[in-house]
């Protein structure tokens, strides 16, 4: 029904407008009693799907990647579609509009999306108010810096977000890999990244001790465009700072082997979807093998089928996340993935 009826209608609209329409529709239907219907249609409960990763118990390994629910407006409702966890954000200390529109583009022949959203969000403190309600699903908090904040002062922005979200999310993701905030990827260099993660780890310890609670897992989200040498640096940084894991990968600036027209592929921004699948899996495998599986990896990028998930799990991922595949394939993809995973136990 989704691919034959709902998606064609949504794809008649500008991509960003379609996103907002979908949000409004899910919110409306959930408020008039459709939550139970969605859960019956799309969720699959089975203890064999559960995963314990970085000290958290996930009811299944399929998550929703950051960027879909930037402002934590719909995380409980989205859990009704079968996700084992939902990542909100990227959030910044101050609200910001993001980049000028038009900034979201579908590449239908490639089953891909280009975005240059630019961390558009209403600010971390606005999101915190919505995160105070009871969570029906594990929630990750993806944090970044404001566009106007220079890299020399970036640590302060990340710490503001970390402190604000500490009581309200289950894990943190440090986003230094978006291609849509000028200069942000420079924070992936060894020296500034080490400094950033060390200070977040110190604040994690301080906050946990002050409240007599456990520390929150901290993950690093990396770009797929890193060289092998840079990936080795990432492994070294993870081991040195003792953060809890890596998300591989963010969107790519590569435009290799695309089928769509040049007028589309030449748009600036990060590319997600099927063209990213191979590179994302390569990065996962490289990190897992070179680190001797020293830390958990969440695999994301180009997942449009259960087979794509199995590839990433076999490469070394402990969990996976969907974004573009969820848009192209629809909510039934989550259940199909979990069914395929259950077959591995039969």
Protein backbone atom coordinates (compact mmCIF):
# COMPACT_ATOMS: atom_id res chain seq x y z
CA UNK A 1 0.00 0.00 0.00
CA UNK A 2 2.79 2.45 0.87
CA UNK A 3 4.82 2.05 -2.33
CA UNK A 4 1.79 1.78 -4.62
CA UNK A 5 -0.40 4.49 -3.10
CA UNK A 6 1.04 6.60 -0.27
CA UNK A 7 4.55 7.18 -1.62
CA UNK A 8 3.41 8.34 -5.08
CA UNK A 9 1.20 10.95 -3.43
CA UNK A 10 3.95 12.15 -1.08
CA UNK A 11 6.42 12.31 -3.96
CA UNK A 12 4.14 14.78 -5.75
CA UNK A 13 5.21 17.34 -3.14
CA UNK A 14 8.53 19.02 -2.53
CA UNK A 15 10.61 16.65 -0.37
CA UNK A 16 10.75 18.90 2.70
CA UNK A 17 7.05 19.69 2.51
CA UNK A 18 6.28 15.98 2.17
CA UNK A 19 8.32 15.35 5.32
CA UNK A 20 6.26 17.87 7.29
CA UNK A 21 3.01 16.48 5.88
CA UNK A 22 4.01 12.98 6.97
CA UNK A 23 4.84 14.26 10.45
CA UNK A 24 1.50 15.99 10.75
CA UNK A 25 -0.36 12.93 9.51
CA UNK A 26 1.36 10.52 11.91
CA UNK A 27 0.79 12.93 14.81
CA UNK A 28 -2.90 13.33 13.94
CA UNK A 29 -3.58 9.62 13.44
CA UNK A 30 -1.76 8.70 16.63
CA UNK A 31 -3.80 11.23 18.60
CA UNK A 32 -7.11 9.77 17.38
CA UNK A 33 -6.26 6.22 18.37
CA UNK A 34 -4.20 4.78 15.54
CA UNK A 35 -1.15 4.05 17.71
CA UNK A 36 -2.45 0.59 18.57
CA UNK A 37 -3.22 -0.11 14.91
CA UNK A 38 0.28 0.94 13.86
CA UNK A 39 1.82 -1.28 16.54
CA UNK A 40 -0.22 -4.29 15.44
CA UNK A 41 0.73 -3.69 11.81
CA UNK A 42 4.42 -2.91 12.14
CA UNK A 43 5.91 -4.11 15.42
CA UNK A 44 7.37 -7.53 16.04
CA UNK A 45 8.02 -8.48 19.66
CA UNK A 46 10.40 -11.35 20.31
CA UNK A 47 13.07 -11.68 22.98
CA UNK A 48 15.43 -13.17 20.38
CA UNK A 49 15.58 -9.76 18.72
CA UNK A 50 16.83 -8.04 21.85
CA UNK A 51 20.38 -6.72 21.93
CA UNK A 52 22.47 -5.44 24.81
CA UNK A 53 24.90 -2.85 23.47
CA UNK A 54 26.98 -0.31 25.43
CA UNK A 55 25.01 -1.21 28.55
CA UNK A 56 21.56 -0.61 27.07
CA UNK A 57 18.89 -3.19 26.28
CA UNK A 58 17.43 -2.67 22.80
CA UNK A 59 14.18 -4.51 22.06
CA UNK A 60 15.41 -4.98 18.50
CA UNK A 61 18.47 -3.78 16.55
CA UNK A 62 16.63 -1.52 14.07
CA UNK A 63 16.72 2.18 14.86
CA UNK A 64 15.62 5.41 13.22
CA UNK A 65 18.60 7.62 12.38
CA UNK A 66 18.95 11.25 13.39
CA UNK A 67 17.53 13.86 11.06
CA UNK A 68 14.03 12.45 10.82
CA UNK A 69 12.79 13.70 14.19
CA UNK A 70 15.15 16.61 14.67
CA UNK A 71 13.22 18.35 17.45
CA UNK A 72 12.00 15.30 19.43
CA UNK A 73 8.41 15.93 18.39
CA UNK A 74 7.39 12.41 17.38
CA UNK A 75 9.76 9.86 18.92
CA UNK A 76 7.06 7.94 20.82
CA UNK A 77 4.71 7.86 17.82
CA UNK A 78 7.54 6.72 15.54
CA UNK A 79 8.28 3.84 17.91
CA UNK A 80 4.87 2.43 16.93
CA UNK A 81 6.40 1.54 13.55
CA UNK A 82 8.57 -1.11 15.16
CA UNK A 83 11.84 0.69 15.84
CA UNK A 84 14.02 -0.55 18.67
CA UNK A 85 15.37 2.96 19.23
CA UNK A 86 14.92 6.48 17.86
CA UNK A 87 17.68 9.08 17.56
CA UNK A 88 16.60 12.71 17.75
CA UNK A 89 18.53 15.75 16.52
CA UNK A 90 20.93 17.00 15.45
CA UNK A 91 20.30 19.58 18.18
CA UNK A 92 22.28 22.77 18.76
CA UNK A 93 22.29 25.13 21.77
CA UNK A 94 20.47 27.95 19.99
CA UNK A 95 17.62 27.57 17.49
CA UNK A 96 18.67 28.02 13.88
CA UNK A 97 16.87 28.07 10.55
CA UNK A 98 19.44 26.00 8.71
CA UNK A 99 20.38 26.62 5.10
CA UNK A 100 18.12 28.44 2.62
CA UNK A 101 15.43 26.40 0.89
CA UNK A 102 15.29 24.45 -1.41
CA UNK A 103 17.61 22.11 0.48
CA UNK A 104 16.22 18.56 0.21
CA UNK A 105 16.22 16.66 -3.10
CA UNK A 106 15.04 13.21 -4.13
CA UNK A 107 17.14 11.28 -6.65
CA UNK A 108 14.48 8.74 -7.60
CA UNK A 109 16.51 6.71 -10.15
CA UNK A 110 19.15 6.18 -7.46
CA UNK A 111 16.70 5.77 -4.57
CA UNK A 112 18.71 8.45 -2.82
CA UNK A 113 18.37 11.87 -1.22
CA UNK A 114 20.63 14.91 -1.17
CA UNK A 115 20.19 17.24 1.78
CA UNK A 116 21.87 20.43 2.86
CA UNK A 117 19.54 21.16 5.76
CA UNK A 118 22.26 22.67 7.95
CA UNK A 119 21.20 21.55 11.44
CA UNK A 120 17.84 23.30 11.26
CA UNK A 121 16.25 22.87 14.70
CA UNK A 122 14.43 24.76 17.43
CA UNK A 123 17.26 24.45 19.93
CA UNK A 124 18.11 21.88 22.56
CA UNK A 125 16.11 23.49 25.37
CA UNK A 126 12.94 23.41 23.28
CA UNK A 127 13.45 19.70 22.63
CA UNK A 128 14.08 18.99 26.32
CA UNK A 129 10.54 20.08 27.19
CA UNK A 130 9.13 17.39 24.88
CA UNK A 131 11.60 14.78 26.09
CA UNK A 132 10.29 15.09 29.65
CA UNK A 133 7.29 12.89 28.84
CA UNK A 134 7.60 9.14 29.34
CA UNK A 135 9.54 7.37 26.59
CA UNK A 136 8.14 4.23 25.00
CA UNK A 137 11.44 3.57 23.25
CA UNK A 138 15.16 4.13 23.83
CA UNK A 139 16.08 7.62 22.64
CA UNK A 140 19.47 8.84 21.47
CA UNK A 141 20.46 12.49 21.45
CA UNK A 142 22.49 13.66 18.45
CA UNK A 143 24.31 16.91 19.26
CA UNK A 144 26.17 19.51 17.22
CA UNK A 145 27.29 23.12 17.19
CA UNK A 146 25.59 26.25 15.90
CA UNK A 147 26.68 27.49 12.50
CA UNK A 148 27.85 30.83 13.92
CA UNK A 149 30.03 29.15 16.56
CA UNK A 150 33.67 28.97 15.43
CA UNK A 151 35.41 25.62 15.71
CA UNK A 152 37.65 27.05 18.41
CA UNK A 153 34.57 27.41 20.62
CA UNK A 154 32.73 24.30 19.44
CA UNK A 155 33.34 22.32 22.64
CA UNK A 156 31.17 24.75 24.59
CA UNK A 157 28.20 24.13 22.26
CA UNK A 158 28.52 20.36 22.60
CA UNK A 159 28.75 20.63 26.39
CA UNK A 160 25.63 22.82 26.54
CA UNK A 161 23.68 20.23 24.59
CA UNK A 162 25.14 17.38 26.61
CA UNK A 163 24.17 18.93 29.93
CA UNK A 164 20.67 19.85 28.76
CA UNK A 165 19.92 16.35 27.45
CA UNK A 166 21.69 14.31 30.11
CA UNK A 167 18.54 13.47 32.09
CA UNK A 168 16.40 12.91 29.01
CA UNK A 169 18.17 10.62 26.53
CA UNK A 170 19.62 7.13 26.79
CA UNK A 171 22.78 7.74 24.76
CA UNK A 172 24.58 10.58 22.99
CA UNK A 173 25.91 10.94 19.46
CA UNK A 174 28.60 13.52 18.70
CA UNK A 175 27.99 14.78 15.18
CA UNK A 176 31.15 16.22 13.62
CA UNK A 177 30.55 14.68 10.21
CA UNK A 178 27.70 16.57 8.57
CA UNK A 179 28.85 18.19 5.31
CA UNK A 180 26.25 20.94 5.63
CA UNK A 181 27.75 23.13 8.39
CA UNK A 182 30.83 24.98 7.11
CA UNK A 183 34.04 23.71 8.70
CA UNK A 184 32.31 21.10 10.87
CA UNK A 185 34.16 18.12 9.40
CA UNK A 186 37.45 19.72 10.42
CA UNK A 187 36.50 18.63 13.95
CA UNK A 188 37.07 15.03 12.80
CA UNK A 189 40.82 15.74 12.72
CA UNK A 190 42.70 13.91 15.43
CA UNK A 191 43.65 16.78 17.74
CA UNK A 192 40.33 18.68 17.93
CA UNK A 193 38.33 15.44 18.07
CA UNK A 194 40.43 14.09 20.94
CA UNK A 195 39.92 17.34 22.85
CA UNK A 196 36.17 17.39 22.26
CA UNK A 197 35.58 13.78 23.27
CA UNK A 198 37.80 14.03 26.35
CA UNK A 199 35.82 16.99 27.66
CA UNK A 200 32.52 15.26 26.99
CA UNK A 201 33.76 12.18 28.84
CA UNK A 202 34.82 14.34 31.79
CA UNK A 203 31.41 16.03 31.87
CA UNK A 204 29.75 12.61 31.66
CA UNK A 205 31.61 11.51 34.77
CA UNK A 206 30.80 14.74 36.61
CA UNK A 207 27.09 14.64 35.79
CA UNK A 208 26.77 10.97 36.68
CA UNK A 209 28.56 11.34 40.01
CA UNK A 210 26.54 14.43 40.93
CA UNK A 211 23.27 12.60 40.35
CA UNK A 212 24.42 9.14 41.50
CA UNK A 213 23.46 7.60 38.16
CA UNK A 214 25.27 5.68 35.46
CA UNK A 215 27.20 7.52 32.78
CA UNK A 216 25.49 7.82 29.42
CA UNK A 217 27.04 6.06 26.40
CA UNK A 218 28.78 8.47 24.02
CA UNK A 219 29.08 7.58 20.33
CA UNK A 220 30.88 9.31 17.49
CA UNK A 221 29.19 9.66 14.08
CA UNK A 222 31.73 9.67 11.25
CA UNK A 223 31.72 10.50 7.56
CA UNK A 224 32.01 7.83 4.86
CA UNK A 225 34.55 9.98 3.03
CA UNK A 226 37.40 9.39 5.49
CA UNK A 227 40.58 7.74 4.21
CA UNK A 228 41.94 4.51 5.71
CA UNK A 229 44.53 6.58 7.58
CA UNK A 230 41.80 8.77 9.04
CA UNK A 231 39.77 5.71 10.00
CA UNK A 232 42.79 4.33 11.83
CA UNK A 233 42.94 7.66 13.66
CA UNK A 234 39.28 7.21 14.61
CA UNK A 235 40.05 3.79 16.08
CA UNK A 236 42.91 5.28 18.06
CA UNK A 237 40.74 8.14 19.31
CA UNK A 238 37.93 5.79 20.40
CA UNK A 239 40.40 3.64 22.31
CA UNK A 240 42.21 6.63 23.86
CA UNK A 241 39.12 8.57 24.93
CA UNK A 242 37.23 5.39 25.84
CA UNK A 243 33.97 6.52 24.28
CA UNK A 244 31.41 3.78 23.77
CA UNK A 245 31.13 3.34 20.01
CA UNK A 246 30.86 4.68 16.49
CA UNK A 247 28.02 5.33 14.05
CA UNK A 248 29.12 4.56 10.50
CA UNK A 249 28.23 6.50 8.49
CA UNK A 250 26.84 9.96 7.88
CA UNK A 251 26.00 11.20 4.37
CA UNK A 252 28.63 11.41 1.63
CA UNK A 253 29.83 14.24 -0.58
CA UNK A 254 30.69 11.71 -3.29
CA UNK A 255 28.56 11.61 -6.43
CA UNK A 256 30.13 8.51 -7.99
CA UNK A 257 28.10 6.33 -10.40
CA UNK A 258 24.76 8.07 -9.97
CA UNK A 259 21.98 7.51 -12.51
CA UNK A 260 20.03 10.72 -11.92
CA UNK A 261 20.30 13.78 -14.13
CA UNK A 262 23.22 16.14 -13.55
CA UNK A 263 20.88 18.96 -12.52
CA UNK A 264 20.04 16.84 -9.48
CA UNK A 265 23.38 15.22 -8.72
CA UNK A 266 25.20 18.56 -8.84
CA UNK A 267 23.21 19.90 -5.88
CA UNK A 268 25.51 20.46 -2.91
CA UNK A 269 24.91 18.58 0.31
CA UNK A 270 25.14 15.10 1.75
CA UNK A 271 23.99 12.09 -0.27
CA UNK A 272 22.13 9.25 1.45
CA UNK A 273 20.36 6.14 0.22
CA UNK A 274 21.31 3.17 -1.92
CA UNK A 275 24.50 4.67 -3.44
CA UNK A 276 25.94 4.89 0.07
CA UNK A 277 25.36 1.23 0.97
CA UNK A 278 28.65 -0.23 -0.25
CA UNK A 279 30.90 2.47 1.22
CA UNK A 280 29.10 2.43 4.56
CA UNK A 281 29.59 -1.33 4.81
CA UNK A 282 33.26 -0.97 3.85
CA UNK A 283 33.79 1.50 6.68
CA UNK A 284 32.02 -0.78 9.16
CA UNK A 285 34.15 -3.76 8.13
CA UNK A 286 37.38 -1.73 8.26
CA UNK A 287 36.65 -0.42 11.76
CA UNK A 288 35.61 -3.83 13.07
CA UNK A 289 38.58 -5.69 11.61
CA UNK A 290 41.29 -3.14 12.37
CA UNK A 291 40.07 -2.63 15.94
CA UNK A 292 39.51 -6.35 16.51
CA UNK A 293 35.88 -5.54 17.38
CA UNK A 294 37.01 -3.34 20.24
CA UNK A 295 33.86 -1.20 20.28
CA UNK A 296 30.24 -1.41 19.05
CA UNK A 297 29.33 0.04 15.65
CA UNK A 298 25.89 1.24 14.57
CA UNK A 299 25.62 0.74 10.83
CA UNK A 300 23.68 3.24 8.74
CA UNK A 301 23.70 4.10 5.06
CA UNK A 302 21.84 2.64 2.11
CA UNK A 303 19.66 0.14 3.96
CA UNK A 304 16.64 -0.61 1.79
CA UNK A 305 16.13 -4.33 2.46
CA UNK A 306 16.72 -7.08 5.04
CA UNK A 307 19.65 -8.23 2.91
CA UNK A 308 21.31 -4.83 3.36
CA UNK A 309 20.99 -5.22 7.12
CA UNK A 310 22.52 -8.69 7.11
CA UNK A 311 25.49 -7.33 5.14
CA UNK A 312 26.12 -4.67 7.75
CA UNK A 313 25.71 -7.06 10.66
CA UNK A 314 28.07 -9.52 9.01
CA UNK A 315 30.56 -6.69 8.47
CA UNK A 316 30.62 -5.98 12.18
CA UNK A 317 27.66 -3.73 13.05
CA UNK A 318 25.90 -4.40 16.36
CA UNK A 319 22.85 -2.29 15.53
CA UNK A 320 21.58 -0.54 12.39
CA UNK A 321 19.63 2.60 11.58
CA UNK A 322 17.29 3.58 8.75
CA UNK A 323 16.56 6.93 7.19
CA UNK A 324 16.34 7.13 3.39
CA UNK A 325 15.30 3.48 3.10
CA UNK A 326 12.41 4.22 5.46
CA UNK A 327 11.26 6.97 3.10
CA UNK A 328 11.54 4.90 -0.07
CA UNK A 329 10.39 1.53 1.28
CA UNK A 330 7.91 2.59 3.95
CA UNK A 331 7.28 1.47 7.54
CA UNK A 332 6.87 -2.22 6.64
CA UNK A 333 10.65 -2.34 6.10
CA UNK A 334 11.28 -2.43 9.86
CA UNK A 335 9.10 -5.50 10.36
CA UNK A 336 10.55 -7.23 7.30
CA UNK A 337 14.04 -6.72 8.69
CA UNK A 338 13.11 -8.11 12.09
CA UNK A 339 11.41 -11.11 10.49
CA UNK A 340 14.55 -11.81 8.48
CA UNK A 341 16.64 -11.60 11.64
CA UNK A 342 14.39 -14.08 13.40
CA UNK A 343 14.89 -16.57 10.57
CA UNK A 344 18.56 -16.71 11.53
CA UNK A 345 17.50 -18.41 14.76
CA UNK A 346 15.36 -21.08 13.07
